[in-house]
Structure formats: C-alpha cells, structure tokens
C-alpha cells in the first residue's frame, strides 16, 4: 500500500497540536516530531554520543538531557544550534519513516514545529499550515506556558513568518478563534483523500 505523507506545522501558539488531535480523533495516524526528538535525545545511544561529542559530558546530567545547559549553548550560537539539528533531525526523520511504514492507513501525518525552516517539507507529499494572528498566538502561549510576551516573541523569531510559510503550504487552516476549525480539517482531509 502506497503511503501519502503529510507534514503539518504552525508557529508557536497557532494551535497545530489541537488540529493534530482532531485528525487523530478522526482515525488518522499522527507522528509528533518534537516529542520524538526529545525521546531520541534521551534514549538513543547514537544520538546521545553525538550530542556529547559536540557539547561535552555536561549535556547530560543524571542520565537525563541537560536542557538548560543545551539551551544556553545554542541560544546565542547558530553553529552549535545547526550542529544539534544535524544530529537530531536525521534521526527523527528516520524514526518517522520507520513508523510510517508500519501504519495501515494511506494518509499519515507528521507534526513538526519548524517543517519549512529546516527544509523538511520537501520530503512530504503535501503540507498543512495552521495559522493564527500574532496577538492571539502570544496570548495563548503566555497563558499556556506562564511566559512573558517578550519570551514568546523571542521564540517566534526562531520561526518563519506565516506569510512566507503560506507560499509553501499545500493547505492552510485558520485558527483565529472566529473560524471553526473542524470543518476546515474535514475539508483538508476530503481533498487529500481525493488526491491519493
């Protein structure tokens, strides 16, 4: 059975995880790249060894990933950030491919925060972008994470602007607190079912 792979993304606070939950509830398999990356950095021996080669033993503390240490290293150093991505992204990609091959559905989804920014979108058959106005996204994240508006805006700087991503996306779901999301999800799924 040929499997059609769909990358699903959205900026921080856009509500991409809610869209993924709806897709899952409708019976489609969804792979969460960010969750998988965290698991691989802790549990995969090869990934761990490569991270230690770049960042030293301090990258792990009590056998757990030392997130604060890593975050402090990559925050101001683009080359270290790129090095970490070079270790983690191929491992996540390979895990996704293996997972996708085990699914018994023709459509499988991969939820990833920086799908376009990393170029990973090129390896999917289609892409879905979840969007929301910036002020709504900031309000959602400050409420959810107890972070300040400045912290959220800093995190947003690591992601491309929605206008850039819209040019590359196959489908767009608008999650602006006014437009109903479920009908949009059903429409996208209907289109995809017709395309495969």
C-alpha atoms as a PDB file:
ATOM      1  CA  UNK A   1       0.000   0.000   0.000  1.00  0.00           C
ATOM      2  CA  UNK A   2       1.396   3.392  -1.017  1.00  0.00           C
ATOM      3  CA  UNK A   3       1.508   5.780   1.908  1.00  0.00           C
ATOM      4  CA  UNK A   4       0.947   9.519   1.425  1.00  0.00           C
ATOM      5  CA  UNK A   5       2.931  11.568   3.924  1.00  0.00           C
ATOM      6  CA  UNK A   6       1.659  14.945   5.069  1.00  0.00           C
ATOM      7  CA  UNK A   7       3.733  17.411   7.054  1.00  0.00           C
ATOM      8  CA  UNK A   8       1.684  19.527   9.462  1.00  0.00           C
ATOM      9  CA  UNK A   9       3.103  22.663  11.017  1.00  0.00           C
ATOM     10  CA  UNK A  10       2.271  26.038  12.523  1.00  0.00           C
ATOM     11  CA  UNK A  11       4.028  28.733  14.500  1.00  0.00           C
ATOM     12  CA  UNK A  12       4.119  28.673  18.273  1.00  0.00           C
ATOM     13  CA  UNK A  13       0.600  29.239  19.653  1.00  0.00           C
ATOM     14  CA  UNK A  14      -1.090  28.606  16.294  1.00  0.00           C
ATOM     15  CA  UNK A  15      -2.926  25.562  17.646  1.00  0.00           C
ATOM     16  CA  UNK A  16      -1.293  22.917  15.446  1.00  0.00           C
ATOM     17  CA  UNK A  17      -1.479  20.374  18.277  1.00  0.00           C
ATOM     18  CA  UNK A  18      -5.259  20.862  18.535  1.00  0.00           C
ATOM     19  CA  UNK A  19      -5.569  20.270  14.785  1.00  0.00           C
ATOM     20  CA  UNK A  20      -3.453  17.116  15.172  1.00  0.00           C
ATOM     21  CA  UNK A  21      -5.712  15.878  17.975  1.00  0.00           C
ATOM     22  CA  UNK A  22      -8.754  16.357  15.707  1.00  0.00           C
ATOM     23  CA  UNK A  23      -7.029  14.468  12.885  1.00  0.00           C
ATOM     24  CA  UNK A  24      -6.140  11.651  15.298  1.00  0.00           C
ATOM     25  CA  UNK A  25      -9.720  11.548  16.600  1.00  0.00           C
ATOM     26  CA  UNK A  26     -10.876  11.083  13.003  1.00  0.00           C
ATOM     27  CA  UNK A  27      -8.729   7.968  12.754  1.00  0.00           C
ATOM     28  CA  UNK A  28      -5.566   9.164  11.037  1.00  0.00           C
ATOM     29  CA  UNK A  29      -2.088   8.379  12.438  1.00  0.00           C
ATOM     30  CA  UNK A  30      -0.099  11.426  13.601  1.00  0.00           C
ATOM     31  CA  UNK A  31       3.625  11.384  14.415  1.00  0.00           C
ATOM     32  CA  UNK A  32       4.876  14.161  16.712  1.00  0.00           C
ATOM     33  CA  UNK A  33       8.420  15.127  15.653  1.00  0.00           C
ATOM     34  CA  UNK A  34       9.108  17.390  18.661  1.00  0.00           C
ATOM     35  CA  UNK A  35       8.098  14.683  21.143  1.00  0.00           C
ATOM     36  CA  UNK A  36      10.140  12.099  19.233  1.00  0.00           C
ATOM     37  CA  UNK A  37      13.200  14.381  19.178  1.00  0.00           C
ATOM     38  CA  UNK A  38      13.074  14.649  22.984  1.00  0.00           C
ATOM     39  CA  UNK A  39      12.856  10.852  23.304  1.00  0.00           C
ATOM     40  CA  UNK A  40      15.738  10.262  20.891  1.00  0.00           C
ATOM     41  CA  UNK A  41      17.994  12.754  22.706  1.00  0.00           C
ATOM     42  CA  UNK A  42      17.427  10.822  25.923  1.00  0.00           C
ATOM     43  CA  UNK A  43      17.062   7.213  24.787  1.00  0.00           C
ATOM     44  CA  UNK A  44      19.001   6.754  21.526  1.00  0.00           C
ATOM     45  CA  UNK A  45      22.637   5.771  22.245  1.00  0.00           C
ATOM     46  CA  UNK A  46      23.986   7.077  18.940  1.00  0.00           C
ATOM     47  CA  UNK A  47      22.199  10.448  19.273  1.00  0.00           C
ATOM     48  CA  UNK A  48      23.424  10.781  22.875  1.00  0.00           C
ATOM     49  CA  UNK A  49      27.023  10.009  21.876  1.00  0.00           C
ATOM     50  CA  UNK A  50      26.923  12.571  19.058  1.00  0.00           C
ATOM     51  CA  UNK A  51      25.485  15.248  21.364  1.00  0.00           C
ATOM     52  CA  UNK A  52      28.241  14.553  23.921  1.00  0.00           C
ATOM     53  CA  UNK A  53      30.875  14.808  21.161  1.00  0.00           C
ATOM     54  CA  UNK A  54      29.690  18.318  20.317  1.00  0.00           C
ATOM     55  CA  UNK A  55      28.629  19.671  23.728  1.00  0.00           C
ATOM     56  CA  UNK A  56      30.646  17.564  26.185  1.00  0.00           C
ATOM     57  CA  UNK A  57      29.558  15.374  29.094  1.00  0.00           C
ATOM     58  CA  UNK A  58      27.687  18.313  30.648  1.00  0.00           C
ATOM     59  CA  UNK A  59      24.975  17.827  28.004  1.00  0.00           C
ATOM     60  CA  UNK A  60      23.607  15.081  30.269  1.00  0.00           C
ATOM     61  CA  UNK A  61      23.035  15.153  33.989  1.00  0.00           C
ATOM     62  CA  UNK A  62      21.924  12.092  35.998  1.00  0.00           C
ATOM     63  CA  UNK A  63      21.436  10.259  32.683  1.00  0.00           C
ATOM     64  CA  UNK A  64      18.909  12.909  31.549  1.00  0.00           C
ATOM     65  CA  UNK A  65      19.337  15.553  28.880  1.00  0.00           C
ATOM     66  CA  UNK A  66      20.525  18.788  30.486  1.00  0.00           C
ATOM     67  CA  UNK A  67      18.052  21.036  28.642  1.00  0.00           C
ATOM     68  CA  UNK A  68      19.042  24.278  30.358  1.00  0.00           C
ATOM     69  CA  UNK A  69      22.709  23.739  29.524  1.00  0.00           C
ATOM     70  CA  UNK A  70      21.936  22.906  25.877  1.00  0.00           C
ATOM     71  CA  UNK A  71      19.508  25.815  25.534  1.00  0.00           C
ATOM     72  CA  UNK A  72      22.124  28.239  26.913  1.00  0.00           C
ATOM     73  CA  UNK A  73      24.690  26.921  24.402  1.00  0.00           C
ATOM     74  CA  UNK A  74      22.535  27.123  21.261  1.00  0.00           C
ATOM     75  CA  UNK A  75      20.634  30.309  22.099  1.00  0.00           C
ATOM     76  CA  UNK A  76      23.422  32.642  21.015  1.00  0.00           C
ATOM     77  CA  UNK A  77      25.436  30.305  18.781  1.00  0.00           C
ATOM     78  CA  UNK A  78      23.889  29.482  15.408  1.00  0.00           C
ATOM     79  CA  UNK A  79      26.675  26.997  14.546  1.00  0.00           C
ATOM     80  CA  UNK A  80      26.009  24.939  17.700  1.00  0.00           C
ATOM     81  CA  UNK A  81      22.280  25.081  17.006  1.00  0.00           C
ATOM     82  CA  UNK A  82      22.924  23.828  13.466  1.00  0.00           C
ATOM     83  CA  UNK A  83      25.178  21.061  14.834  1.00  0.00           C
ATOM     84  CA  UNK A  84      22.432  19.882  17.207  1.00  0.00           C
ATOM     85  CA  UNK A  85      19.881  19.941  14.376  1.00  0.00           C
ATOM     86  CA  UNK A  86      22.258  17.895  12.187  1.00  0.00           C
ATOM     87  CA  UNK A  87      22.287  15.212  14.874  1.00  0.00           C
ATOM     88  CA  UNK A  88      18.611  15.209  15.815  1.00  0.00           C
ATOM     89  CA  UNK A  89      16.697  15.897  12.570  1.00  0.00           C
ATOM     90  CA  UNK A  90      18.013  12.931  10.529  1.00  0.00           C
ATOM     91  CA  UNK A  91      17.318  10.607  13.486  1.00  0.00           C
ATOM     92  CA  UNK A  92      13.738  11.926  13.772  1.00  0.00           C
ATOM     93  CA  UNK A  93      13.259  11.599  10.001  1.00  0.00           C
ATOM     94  CA  UNK A  94      14.443   8.003  10.036  1.00  0.00           C
ATOM     95  CA  UNK A  95      12.169   7.184  13.002  1.00  0.00           C
ATOM     96  CA  UNK A  96       9.216   8.755  11.164  1.00  0.00           C
ATOM     97  CA  UNK A  97       9.906   6.714   8.002  1.00  0.00           C
ATOM     98  CA  UNK A  98      10.020   3.515  10.045  1.00  0.00           C
ATOM     99  CA  UNK A  99       6.822   4.472  11.913  1.00  0.00           C
ATOM    100  CA  UNK A 100       5.019   5.436   8.662  1.00  0.00           C
ATOM    101  CA  UNK A 101       5.811   2.061   7.101  1.00  0.00           C
ATOM    102  CA  UNK A 102       4.043   0.316   9.997  1.00  0.00           C
ATOM    103  CA  UNK A 103       0.777   2.268   9.663  1.00  0.00           C
ATOM    104  CA  UNK A 104      -2.252   0.678   8.000  1.00  0.00           C
ATOM    105  CA  UNK A 105      -3.648   3.960   6.638  1.00  0.00           C
ATOM    106  CA  UNK A 106      -2.920   5.558   3.274  1.00  0.00           C
ATOM    107  CA  UNK A 107      -2.574   9.007   4.853  1.00  0.00           C
ATOM    108  CA  UNK A 108      -0.096   9.639   7.671  1.00  0.00           C
ATOM    109  CA  UNK A 109       0.690  12.982   9.303  1.00  0.00           C
ATOM    110  CA  UNK A 110       3.895  14.341  10.788  1.00  0.00           C
ATOM    111  CA  UNK A 111       3.518  17.241  13.232  1.00  0.00           C
ATOM    112  CA  UNK A 112       6.664  19.399  13.272  1.00  0.00           C
ATOM    113  CA  UNK A 113       7.210  22.937  14.555  1.00  0.00           C
ATOM    114  CA  UNK A 114       9.856  24.017  12.032  1.00  0.00           C
ATOM    115  CA  UNK A 115       8.915  21.995   8.972  1.00  0.00           C
ATOM    116  CA  UNK A 116       9.610  24.769   6.453  1.00  0.00           C
ATOM    117  CA  UNK A 117      12.568  26.327   8.278  1.00  0.00           C
ATOM    118  CA  UNK A 118      14.563  23.065   8.154  1.00  0.00           C
ATOM    119  CA  UNK A 119      13.658  22.234   4.554  1.00  0.00           C
ATOM    120  CA  UNK A 120      11.985  19.012   5.785  1.00  0.00           C
ATOM    121  CA  UNK A 121       8.762  19.981   3.998  1.00  0.00           C
ATOM    122  CA  UNK A 122      10.388  18.913   0.695  1.00  0.00           C
ATOM    123  CA  UNK A 123      10.244  15.267   1.741  1.00  0.00           C
ATOM    124  CA  UNK A 124       6.444  15.256   2.203  1.00  0.00           C
ATOM    125  CA  UNK A 125       3.781  14.729  -0.435  1.00  0.00           C
ATOM    126  CA  UNK A 126       1.668  17.602   0.941  1.00  0.00           C
ATOM    127  CA  UNK A 127       1.857  20.136   3.769  1.00  0.00           C
ATOM    128  CA  UNK A 128      -0.729  21.692   6.071  1.00  0.00           C
ATOM    129  CA  UNK A 129      -0.061  25.016   7.782  1.00  0.00           C
ATOM    130  CA  UNK A 130      -2.071  26.091  10.844  1.00  0.00           C
ATOM    131  CA  UNK A 131      -2.158  29.881  11.210  1.00  0.00           C
ATOM    132  CA  UNK A 132      -3.431  32.418  13.736  1.00  0.00           C
ATOM    133  CA  UNK A 133      -2.886  36.174  14.186  1.00  0.00           C
ATOM    134  CA  UNK A 134       0.260  37.028  16.142  1.00  0.00           C
ATOM    135  CA  UNK A 135      -1.568  38.703  19.067  1.00  0.00           C
ATOM    136  CA  UNK A 136      -3.755  35.596  19.565  1.00  0.00           C
ATOM    137  CA  UNK A 137      -0.705  33.323  19.410  1.00  0.00           C
ATOM    138  CA  UNK A 138       1.130  35.424  22.005  1.00  0.00           C
ATOM    139  CA  UNK A 139      -1.926  35.417  24.316  1.00  0.00           C
ATOM    140  CA  UNK A 140      -2.273  31.620  24.010  1.00  0.00           C
ATOM    141  CA  UNK A 141       1.383  30.920  24.805  1.00  0.00           C
ATOM    142  CA  UNK A 142       1.686  33.386  27.704  1.00  0.00           C
ATOM    143  CA  UNK A 143      -1.412  31.773  29.223  1.00  0.00           C
ATOM    144  CA  UNK A 144      -0.269  28.188  28.499  1.00  0.00           C
ATOM    145  CA  UNK A 145       3.419  28.419  29.469  1.00  0.00           C
ATOM    146  CA  UNK A 146       3.320  31.219  32.026  1.00  0.00           C
ATOM    147  CA  UNK A 147       5.874  33.041  29.895  1.00  0.00           C
ATOM    148  CA  UNK A 148       6.192  36.752  29.254  1.00  0.00           C
ATOM    149  CA  UNK A 149       5.227  38.391  25.983  1.00  0.00           C
ATOM    150  CA  UNK A 150       8.933  39.146  25.346  1.00  0.00           C
ATOM    151  CA  UNK A 151       9.869  35.467  25.821  1.00  0.00           C
ATOM    152  CA  UNK A 152       7.190  34.373  23.370  1.00  0.00           C
ATOM    153  CA  UNK A 153       8.302  36.939  20.786  1.00  0.00           C
ATOM    154  CA  UNK A 154      11.886  35.736  21.199  1.00  0.00           C
ATOM    155  CA  UNK A 155      10.754  32.171  20.453  1.00  0.00           C
ATOM    156  CA  UNK A 156       8.759  33.417  17.463  1.00  0.00           C
ATOM    157  CA  UNK A 157      11.954  34.893  15.998  1.00  0.00           C
ATOM    158  CA  UNK A 158      13.227  31.323  15.507  1.00  0.00           C
ATOM    159  CA  UNK A 159      10.289  30.591  13.220  1.00  0.00           C
ATOM    160  CA  UNK A 160       9.488  31.989   9.802  1.00  0.00           C
ATOM    161  CA  UNK A 161       6.645  34.422   9.358  1.00  0.00           C
ATOM    162  CA  UNK A 162       3.305  32.883   8.339  1.00  0.00           C
ATOM    163  CA  UNK A 163       3.305  34.834   5.062  1.00  0.00           C
ATOM    164  CA  UNK A 164       6.496  33.053   3.987  1.00  0.00           C
ATOM    165  CA  UNK A 165       5.153  29.635   5.015  1.00  0.00           C
ATOM    166  CA  UNK A 166       1.816  30.213   3.252  1.00  0.00           C
ATOM    167  CA  UNK A 167       3.678  30.389  -0.063  1.00  0.00           C
ATOM    168  CA  UNK A 168       4.992  26.852   0.506  1.00  0.00           C
ATOM    169  CA  UNK A 169       1.976  25.175   2.147  1.00  0.00           C
ATOM    170  CA  UNK A 170      -0.449  22.957   0.225  1.00  0.00           C
ATOM    171  CA  UNK A 171      -3.318  23.604   2.668  1.00  0.00           C
ATOM    172  CA  UNK A 172      -3.912  26.330   5.264  1.00  0.00           C
ATOM    173  CA  UNK A 173      -6.099  26.025   8.362  1.00  0.00           C
ATOM    174  CA  UNK A 174      -7.049  29.306  10.030  1.00  0.00           C
ATOM    175  CA  UNK A 175      -7.308  29.043  13.824  1.00  0.00           C
ATOM    176  CA  UNK A 176      -8.198  32.649  14.690  1.00  0.00           C
ATOM    177  CA  UNK A 177     -10.810  31.963  17.435  1.00  0.00           C
ATOM    178  CA  UNK A 178     -13.543  33.005  14.975  1.00  0.00           C
ATOM    179  CA  UNK A 179     -13.436  30.472  12.136  1.00  0.00           C
ATOM    180  CA  UNK A 180     -14.489  26.924  13.086  1.00  0.00           C
ATOM    181  CA  UNK A 181     -11.514  24.582  12.819  1.00  0.00           C
ATOM    182  CA  UNK A 182     -13.264  21.206  12.434  1.00  0.00           C
ATOM    183  CA  UNK A 183     -14.948  22.000   9.065  1.00  0.00           C
ATOM    184  CA  UNK A 184     -11.555  23.164   7.756  1.00  0.00           C
ATOM    185  CA  UNK A 185      -9.900  19.932   8.944  1.00  0.00           C
ATOM    186  CA  UNK A 186     -12.628  17.842   7.295  1.00  0.00           C
ATOM    187  CA  UNK A 187     -12.229  19.804   4.049  1.00  0.00           C
ATOM    188  CA  UNK A 188      -8.455  19.233   4.003  1.00  0.00           C
ATOM    189  CA  UNK A 189      -8.899  15.513   4.715  1.00  0.00           C
ATOM    190  CA  UNK A 190     -11.521  15.253   1.987  1.00  0.00           C
ATOM    191  CA  UNK A 191      -9.157  16.916  -0.516  1.00  0.00           C
ATOM    192  CA  UNK A 192      -6.305  14.631   0.494  1.00  0.00           C
ATOM    193  CA  UNK A 193      -8.469  11.505   0.190  1.00  0.00           C
ATOM    194  CA  UNK A 194      -9.371  12.594  -3.358  1.00  0.00           C
ATOM    195  CA  UNK A 195      -5.739  13.236  -4.272  1.00  0.00           C
ATOM    196  CA  UNK A 196      -4.428   9.813  -3.277  1.00  0.00           C
END
